[in-house]
Amino acid sequence: MTLEEKLSLLAETIETDLKNLTLSCSLDSLDEWDSLALISLIGMFSKSFGRNIPVETLKEFKTIQDIVDEMHE
């Protein structure tokens, strides 16, 4: 999966515009970054990558780059 595809999937998952996502973007700066986004990410990782990511791990993420780095099978 290319970086563009990963960012597109992430934008769709957390329901934000793709233009809002850069690798250095702080998650705290996104209005969409909330508990629902965390739940959506858990589902996305399971469905798209066959991985179960604990919510505790997701809470450690600070930037879009942190999420993209985990987007692998």
PDB file of N, CA and C in Angstrom:
ATOM      1  N   MET A   1       0.847  -1.169   0.000  1.00  0.00           N
ATOM      2  CA  MET A   1       0.000   0.000   0.000  1.00  0.00           C
ATOM      3  C   MET A   1       0.898   1.240   0.000  1.00  0.00           C
ATOM      4  N   THR A   2       0.606   2.164  -0.876  1.00  0.00           N
ATOM      5  CA  THR A   2       1.406   3.392  -0.974  1.00  0.00           C
ATOM      6  C   THR A   2       1.061   4.345   0.169  1.00  0.00           C
ATOM      7  N   LEU A   3       1.908   5.329   0.368  1.00  0.00           N
ATOM      8  CA  LEU A   3       1.664   6.334   1.386  1.00  0.00           C
ATOM      9  C   LEU A   3       0.348   7.059   1.103  1.00  0.00           C
ATOM     10  N   GLU A   4       0.113   7.402  -0.144  1.00  0.00           N
ATOM     11  CA  GLU A   4      -1.124   8.092  -0.507  1.00  0.00           C
ATOM     12  C   GLU A   4      -2.354   7.238  -0.167  1.00  0.00           C
ATOM     13  N   GLU A   5      -2.274   5.943  -0.437  1.00  0.00           N
ATOM     14  CA  GLU A   5      -3.384   5.046  -0.117  1.00  0.00           C
ATOM     15  C   GLU A   5      -3.592   4.951   1.395  1.00  0.00           C
ATOM     16  N   LYS A   6      -2.505   4.910   2.147  1.00  0.00           N
ATOM     17  CA  LYS A   6      -2.610   4.854   3.600  1.00  0.00           C
ATOM     18  C   LYS A   6      -3.259   6.124   4.148  1.00  0.00           C
ATOM     19  N   LEU A   7      -2.828   7.279   3.652  1.00  0.00           N
ATOM     20  CA  LEU A   7      -3.401   8.540   4.114  1.00  0.00           C
ATOM     21  C   LEU A   7      -4.875   8.641   3.732  1.00  0.00           C
ATOM     22  N   SER A   8      -5.216   8.167   2.550  1.00  0.00           N
ATOM     23  CA  SER A   8      -6.608   8.181   2.114  1.00  0.00           C
ATOM     24  C   SER A   8      -7.464   7.288   3.008  1.00  0.00           C
ATOM     25  N   LEU A   9      -6.976   6.100   3.324  1.00  0.00           N
ATOM     26  CA  LEU A   9      -7.688   5.189   4.212  1.00  0.00           C
ATOM     27  C   LEU A   9      -7.835   5.800   5.598  1.00  0.00           C
ATOM     28  N   LEU A  10      -6.799   6.433   6.085  1.00  0.00           N
ATOM     29  CA  LEU A  10      -6.852   7.071   7.392  1.00  0.00           C
ATOM     30  C   LEU A  10      -7.859   8.222   7.406  1.00  0.00           C
ATOM     31  N   ALA A  11      -7.841   9.046   6.371  1.00  0.00           N
ATOM     32  CA  ALA A  11      -8.798  10.156   6.277  1.00  0.00           C
ATOM     33  C   ALA A  11     -10.230   9.633   6.289  1.00  0.00           C
ATOM     34  N   GLU A  12     -10.480   8.576   5.543  1.00  0.00           N
ATOM     35  CA  GLU A  12     -11.808   7.971   5.508  1.00  0.00           C
ATOM     36  C   GLU A  12     -12.184   7.403   6.878  1.00  0.00           C
ATOM     37  N   THR A  13     -11.234   6.765   7.530  1.00  0.00           N
ATOM     38  CA  THR A  13     -11.492   6.123   8.817  1.00  0.00           C
ATOM     39  C   THR A  13     -11.853   7.127   9.902  1.00  0.00           C
ATOM     40  N   ILE A  14     -11.123   8.234   9.967  1.00  0.00           N
ATOM     41  CA  ILE A  14     -11.407   9.207  11.024  1.00  0.00           C
ATOM     42  C   ILE A  14     -12.309  10.340  10.540  1.00  0.00           C
ATOM     43  N   GLU A  15     -12.801  10.190   9.328  1.00  0.00           N
ATOM     44  CA  GLU A  15     -13.776  11.118   8.752  1.00  0.00           C
ATOM     45  C   GLU A  15     -13.266  12.555   8.725  1.00  0.00           C
ATOM     46  N   THR A  16     -12.128  12.722   8.068  1.00  0.00           N
ATOM     47  CA  THR A  16     -11.570  14.052   7.862  1.00  0.00           C
ATOM     48  C   THR A  16     -11.171  14.189   6.406  1.00  0.00           C
ATOM     49  N   ASP A  17     -10.911  15.395   5.994  1.00  0.00           N
ATOM     50  CA  ASP A  17     -10.480  15.666   4.627  1.00  0.00           C
ATOM     51  C   ASP A  17      -9.011  15.286   4.492  1.00  0.00           C
ATOM     52  N   LEU A  18      -8.671  14.634   3.404  1.00  0.00           N
ATOM     53  CA  LEU A  18      -7.299  14.199   3.151  1.00  0.00           C
ATOM     54  C   LEU A  18      -6.310  15.357   3.247  1.00  0.00           C
ATOM     55  N   LYS A  19      -6.730  16.549   2.842  1.00  0.00           N
ATOM     56  CA  LYS A  19      -5.827  17.703   2.877  1.00  0.00           C
ATOM     57  C   LYS A  19      -5.437  18.088   4.303  1.00  0.00           C
ATOM     58  N   ASN A  20      -6.168  17.589   5.300  1.00  0.00           N
ATOM     59  CA  ASN A  20      -5.839  17.866   6.701  1.00  0.00           C
ATOM     60  C   ASN A  20      -4.700  16.995   7.215  1.00  0.00           C
ATOM     61  N   LEU A  21      -4.326  15.971   6.460  1.00  0.00           N
ATOM     62  CA  LEU A  21      -3.368  14.989   6.947  1.00  0.00           C
ATOM     63  C   LEU A  21      -1.999  15.142   6.297  1.00  0.00           C
ATOM     64  N   THR A  22      -1.040  15.486   7.114  1.00  0.00           N
ATOM     65  CA  THR A  22       0.360  15.446   6.712  1.00  0.00           C
ATOM     66  C   THR A  22       1.061  14.564   7.735  1.00  0.00           C
ATOM     67  N   LEU A  23       2.179  14.008   7.380  1.00  0.00           N
ATOM     68  CA  LEU A  23       2.869  13.091   8.284  1.00  0.00           C
ATOM     69  C   LEU A  23       3.254  13.748   9.602  1.00  0.00           C
ATOM     70  N   SER A  24       3.565  15.023   9.571  1.00  0.00           N
ATOM     71  CA  SER A  24       3.979  15.716  10.795  1.00  0.00           C
ATOM     72  C   SER A  24       2.803  16.296  11.583  1.00  0.00           C
ATOM     73  N   CYS A  25       1.600  16.151  11.067  1.00  0.00           N
ATOM     74  CA  CYS A  25       0.405  16.691  11.717  1.00  0.00           C
ATOM     75  C   CYS A  25       0.208  16.068  13.097  1.00  0.00           C
ATOM     76  N   SER A  26       0.043  16.912  14.088  1.00  0.00           N
ATOM     77  CA  SER A  26      -0.240  16.450  15.445  1.00  0.00           C
ATOM     78  C   SER A  26      -1.690  15.974  15.526  1.00  0.00           C
ATOM     79  N   LEU A  27      -1.893  14.808  16.106  1.00  0.00           N
ATOM     80  CA  LEU A  27      -3.251  14.280  16.226  1.00  0.00           C
ATOM     81  C   LEU A  27      -4.118  15.191  17.086  1.00  0.00           C
ATOM     82  N   ASP A  28      -3.544  15.800  18.094  1.00  0.00           N
ATOM     83  CA  ASP A  28      -4.294  16.706  18.962  1.00  0.00           C
ATOM     84  C   ASP A  28      -4.812  17.934  18.217  1.00  0.00           C
ATOM     85  N   SER A  29      -4.231  18.250  17.083  1.00  0.00           N
ATOM     86  CA  SER A  29      -4.676  19.421  16.319  1.00  0.00           C
ATOM     87  C   SER A  29      -5.898  19.110  15.443  1.00  0.00           C
ATOM     88  N   LEU A  30      -6.254  17.836  15.334  1.00  0.00           N
ATOM     89  CA  LEU A  30      -7.401  17.438  14.523  1.00  0.00           C
ATOM     90  C   LEU A  30      -8.669  17.414  15.360  1.00  0.00           C
ATOM     91  N   ASP A  31      -9.694  18.135  14.919  1.00  0.00           N
ATOM     92  CA  ASP A  31     -10.984  18.117  15.626  1.00  0.00           C
ATOM     93  C   ASP A  31     -11.569  16.712  15.666  1.00  0.00           C
ATOM     94  N   GLU A  32     -11.263  15.914  14.659  1.00  0.00           N
ATOM     95  CA  GLU A  32     -11.822  14.566  14.541  1.00  0.00           C
ATOM     96  C   GLU A  32     -11.135  13.547  15.458  1.00  0.00           C
ATOM     97  N   TRP A  33     -10.024  13.913  16.075  1.00  0.00           N
ATOM     98  CA  TRP A  33      -9.279  12.980  16.908  1.00  0.00           C
ATOM     99  C   TRP A  33      -9.940  12.902  18.278  1.00  0.00           C
ATOM    100  N   ASP A  34     -10.739  11.844  18.463  1.00  0.00           N
ATOM    101  CA  ASP A  34     -11.453  11.636  19.714  1.00  0.00           C
ATOM    102  C   ASP A  34     -11.603  10.138  19.959  1.00  0.00           C
ATOM    103  N   SER A  35     -12.403   9.764  20.940  1.00  0.00           N
ATOM    104  CA  SER A  35     -12.555   8.350  21.273  1.00  0.00           C
ATOM    105  C   SER A  35     -13.174   7.559  20.127  1.00  0.00           C
ATOM    106  N   LEU A  36     -14.055   8.175  19.363  1.00  0.00           N
ATOM    107  CA  LEU A  36     -14.640   7.492  18.208  1.00  0.00           C
ATOM    108  C   LEU A  36     -13.573   7.212  17.148  1.00  0.00           C
ATOM    109  N   ALA A  37     -12.642   8.139  16.971  1.00  0.00           N
ATOM    110  CA  ALA A  37     -11.544   7.928  16.022  1.00  0.00           C
ATOM    111  C   ALA A  37     -10.686   6.747  16.455  1.00  0.00           C
ATOM    112  N   LEU A  38     -10.446   6.617  17.759  1.00  0.00           N
ATOM    113  CA  LEU A  38      -9.663   5.490  18.267  1.00  0.00           C
ATOM    114  C   LEU A  38     -10.358   4.164  17.963  1.00  0.00           C
ATOM    115  N   ILE A  39     -11.654   4.111  18.206  1.00  0.00           N
ATOM    116  CA  ILE A  39     -12.427   2.895  17.930  1.00  0.00           C
ATOM    117  C   ILE A  39     -12.408   2.584  16.433  1.00  0.00           C
ATOM    118  N   SER A  40     -12.564   3.610  15.625  1.00  0.00           N
ATOM    119  CA  SER A  40     -12.533   3.425  14.170  1.00  0.00           C
ATOM    120  C   SER A  40     -11.179   2.902  13.708  1.00  0.00           C
ATOM    121  N   LEU A  41     -10.102   3.405  14.311  1.00  0.00           N
ATOM    122  CA  LEU A  41      -8.761   2.932  13.950  1.00  0.00           C
ATOM    123  C   LEU A  41      -8.564   1.470  14.315  1.00  0.00           C
ATOM    124  N   ILE A  42      -9.083   1.060  15.453  1.00  0.00           N
ATOM    125  CA  ILE A  42      -8.991  -0.346  15.851  1.00  0.00           C
ATOM    126  C   ILE A  42      -9.638  -1.215  14.784  1.00  0.00           C
ATOM    127  N   GLY A  43     -10.826  -0.827  14.335  1.00  0.00           N
ATOM    128  CA  GLY A  43     -11.519  -1.570  13.281  1.00  0.00           C
ATOM    129  C   GLY A  43     -10.764  -1.556  11.967  1.00  0.00           C
ATOM    130  N   MET A  44     -10.201  -0.405  11.609  1.00  0.00           N
ATOM    131  CA  MET A  44      -9.458  -0.281  10.358  1.00  0.00           C
ATOM    132  C   MET A  44      -8.220  -1.168  10.361  1.00  0.00           C
ATOM    133  N   PHE A  45      -7.481  -1.178  11.468  1.00  0.00           N
ATOM    134  CA  PHE A  45      -6.291  -2.027  11.545  1.00  0.00           C
ATOM    135  C   PHE A  45      -6.670  -3.500  11.433  1.00  0.00           C
ATOM    136  N   SER A  46      -7.756  -3.886  12.074  1.00  0.00           N
ATOM    137  CA  SER A  46      -8.194  -5.282  12.025  1.00  0.00           C
ATOM    138  C   SER A  46      -8.631  -5.670  10.621  1.00  0.00           C
ATOM    139  N   LYS A  47      -9.476  -4.856  10.010  1.00  0.00           N
ATOM    140  CA  LYS A  47     -10.038  -5.168   8.693  1.00  0.00           C
ATOM    141  C   LYS A  47      -9.011  -5.048   7.568  1.00  0.00           C
ATOM    142  N   SER A  48      -8.264  -3.977   7.563  1.00  0.00           N
ATOM    143  CA  SER A  48      -7.370  -3.697   6.436  1.00  0.00           C
ATOM    144  C   SER A  48      -5.995  -4.340   6.561  1.00  0.00           C
ATOM    145  N   PHE A  49      -5.548  -4.593   7.800  1.00  0.00           N
ATOM    146  CA  PHE A  49      -4.185  -5.087   7.995  1.00  0.00           C
ATOM    147  C   PHE A  49      -4.130  -6.382   8.786  1.00  0.00           C
ATOM    148  N   GLY A  50      -5.284  -6.872   9.233  1.00  0.00           N
ATOM    149  CA  GLY A  50      -5.318  -8.123   9.975  1.00  0.00           C
ATOM    150  C   GLY A  50      -4.576  -8.045  11.300  1.00  0.00           C
ATOM    151  N   ARG A  51      -4.546  -6.854  11.887  1.00  0.00           N
ATOM    152  CA  ARG A  51      -3.806  -6.634  13.128  1.00  0.00           C
ATOM    153  C   ARG A  51      -4.727  -6.088  14.205  1.00  0.00           C
ATOM    154  N   ASN A  52      -4.525  -6.553  15.410  1.00  0.00           N
ATOM    155  CA  ASN A  52      -5.251  -6.036  16.565  1.00  0.00           C
ATOM    156  C   ASN A  52      -4.335  -5.090  17.320  1.00  0.00           C
ATOM    157  N   ILE A  53      -4.656  -3.816  17.270  1.00  0.00           N
ATOM    158  CA  ILE A  53      -3.866  -2.792  17.942  1.00  0.00           C
ATOM    159  C   ILE A  53      -4.610  -2.386  19.213  1.00  0.00           C
ATOM    160  N   PRO A  54      -4.001  -2.569  20.378  1.00  0.00           N
ATOM    161  CA  PRO A  54      -4.667  -2.177  21.628  1.00  0.00           C
ATOM    162  C   PRO A  54      -4.878  -0.659  21.702  1.00  0.00           C
ATOM    163  N   VAL A  55      -5.956  -0.250  22.320  1.00  0.00           N
ATOM    164  CA  VAL A  55      -6.256   1.172  22.454  1.00  0.00           C
ATOM    165  C   VAL A  55      -5.134   1.890  23.195  1.00  0.00           C
ATOM    166  N   GLU A  56      -4.462   1.211  24.116  1.00  0.00           N
ATOM    167  CA  GLU A  56      -3.347   1.826  24.834  1.00  0.00           C
ATOM    168  C   GLU A  56      -2.225   2.226  23.872  1.00  0.00           C
ATOM    169  N   THR A  57      -1.983   1.399  22.865  1.00  0.00           N
ATOM    170  CA  THR A  57      -0.975   1.711  21.850  1.00  0.00           C
ATOM    171  C   THR A  57      -1.406   2.922  21.035  1.00  0.00           C
ATOM    172  N   LEU A  58      -2.670   2.949  20.636  1.00  0.00           N
ATOM    173  CA  LEU A  58      -3.174   4.077  19.846  1.00  0.00           C
ATOM    174  C   LEU A  58      -3.085   5.389  20.624  1.00  0.00           C
ATOM    175  N   LYS A  59      -3.299   5.329  21.909  1.00  0.00           N
ATOM    176  CA  LYS A  59      -3.239   6.545  22.726  1.00  0.00           C
ATOM    177  C   LYS A  59      -1.826   7.109  22.797  1.00  0.00           C
ATOM    178  N   GLU A  60      -0.823   6.293  22.509  1.00  0.00           N
ATOM    179  CA  GLU A  60       0.565   6.755  22.512  1.00  0.00           C
ATOM    180  C   GLU A  60       0.929   7.513  21.234  1.00  0.00           C
ATOM    181  N   PHE A  61       0.132   7.359  20.182  1.00  0.00           N
ATOM    182  CA  PHE A  61       0.421   8.025  18.916  1.00  0.00           C
ATOM    183  C   PHE A  61       0.268   9.534  19.085  1.00  0.00           C
ATOM    184  N   LYS A  62       1.216  10.260  18.513  1.00  0.00           N
ATOM    185  CA  LYS A  62       1.203  11.725  18.602  1.00  0.00           C
ATOM    186  C   LYS A  62       0.995  12.393  17.246  1.00  0.00           C
ATOM    187  N   THR A  63       1.431  11.721  16.161  1.00  0.00           N
ATOM    188  CA  THR A  63       1.349  12.324  14.829  1.00  0.00           C
ATOM    189  C   THR A  63       0.752  11.327  13.831  1.00  0.00           C
ATOM    190  N   ILE A  64       0.407  11.827  12.672  1.00  0.00           N
ATOM    191  CA  ILE A  64      -0.068  10.972  11.582  1.00  0.00           C
ATOM    192  C   ILE A  64       1.014   9.960  11.225  1.00  0.00           C
ATOM    193  N   GLN A  65       2.267  10.375  11.291  1.00  0.00           N
ATOM    194  CA  GLN A  65       3.386   9.470  10.990  1.00  0.00           C
ATOM    195  C   GLN A  65       3.353   8.242  11.884  1.00  0.00           C
ATOM    196  N   ASP A  66       3.023   8.412  13.157  1.00  0.00           N
ATOM    197  CA  ASP A  66       2.950   7.282  14.090  1.00  0.00           C
ATOM    198  C   ASP A  66       1.925   6.247  13.614  1.00  0.00           C
ATOM    199  N   ILE A  67       0.795   6.721  13.134  1.00  0.00           N
ATOM    200  CA  ILE A  67      -0.240   5.797  12.638  1.00  0.00           C
ATOM    201  C   ILE A  67       0.214   5.125  11.359  1.00  0.00           C
ATOM    202  N   VAL A  68       0.732   5.898  10.430  1.00  0.00           N
ATOM    203  CA  VAL A  68       1.173   5.356   9.136  1.00  0.00           C
ATOM    204  C   VAL A  68       2.251   4.298   9.343  1.00  0.00           C
ATOM    205  N   ASP A  69       3.132   4.510  10.301  1.00  0.00           N
ATOM    206  CA  ASP A  69       4.201   3.539  10.568  1.00  0.00           C
ATOM    207  C   ASP A  69       3.638   2.178  10.993  1.00  0.00           C
ATOM    208  N   GLU A  70       2.470   2.173  11.599  1.00  0.00           N
ATOM    209  CA  GLU A  70       1.845   0.921  12.045  1.00  0.00           C
ATOM    210  C   GLU A  70       0.962   0.278  10.976  1.00  0.00           C
ATOM    211  N   MET A  71       0.776   0.954   9.862  1.00  0.00           N
ATOM    212  CA  MET A  71      -0.117   0.460   8.817  1.00  0.00           C
ATOM    213  C   MET A  71       0.601  -0.540   7.915  1.00  0.00           C
ATOM    214  N   HIS A  72       0.774  -1.753   8.441  1.00  0.00           N
ATOM    215  CA  HIS A  72       1.405  -2.834   7.704  1.00  0.00           C
ATOM    216  C   HIS A  72       0.820  -4.150   8.188  1.00  0.00           C
ATOM    217  N   GLU A  73       0.985  -5.189   7.373  1.00  0.00           N
ATOM    218  CA  GLU A  73       0.455  -6.515   7.755  1.00  0.00           C
ATOM    219  C   GLU A  73       1.476  -7.275   8.561  1.00  0.00           C
TER     220      GLU A  73
END
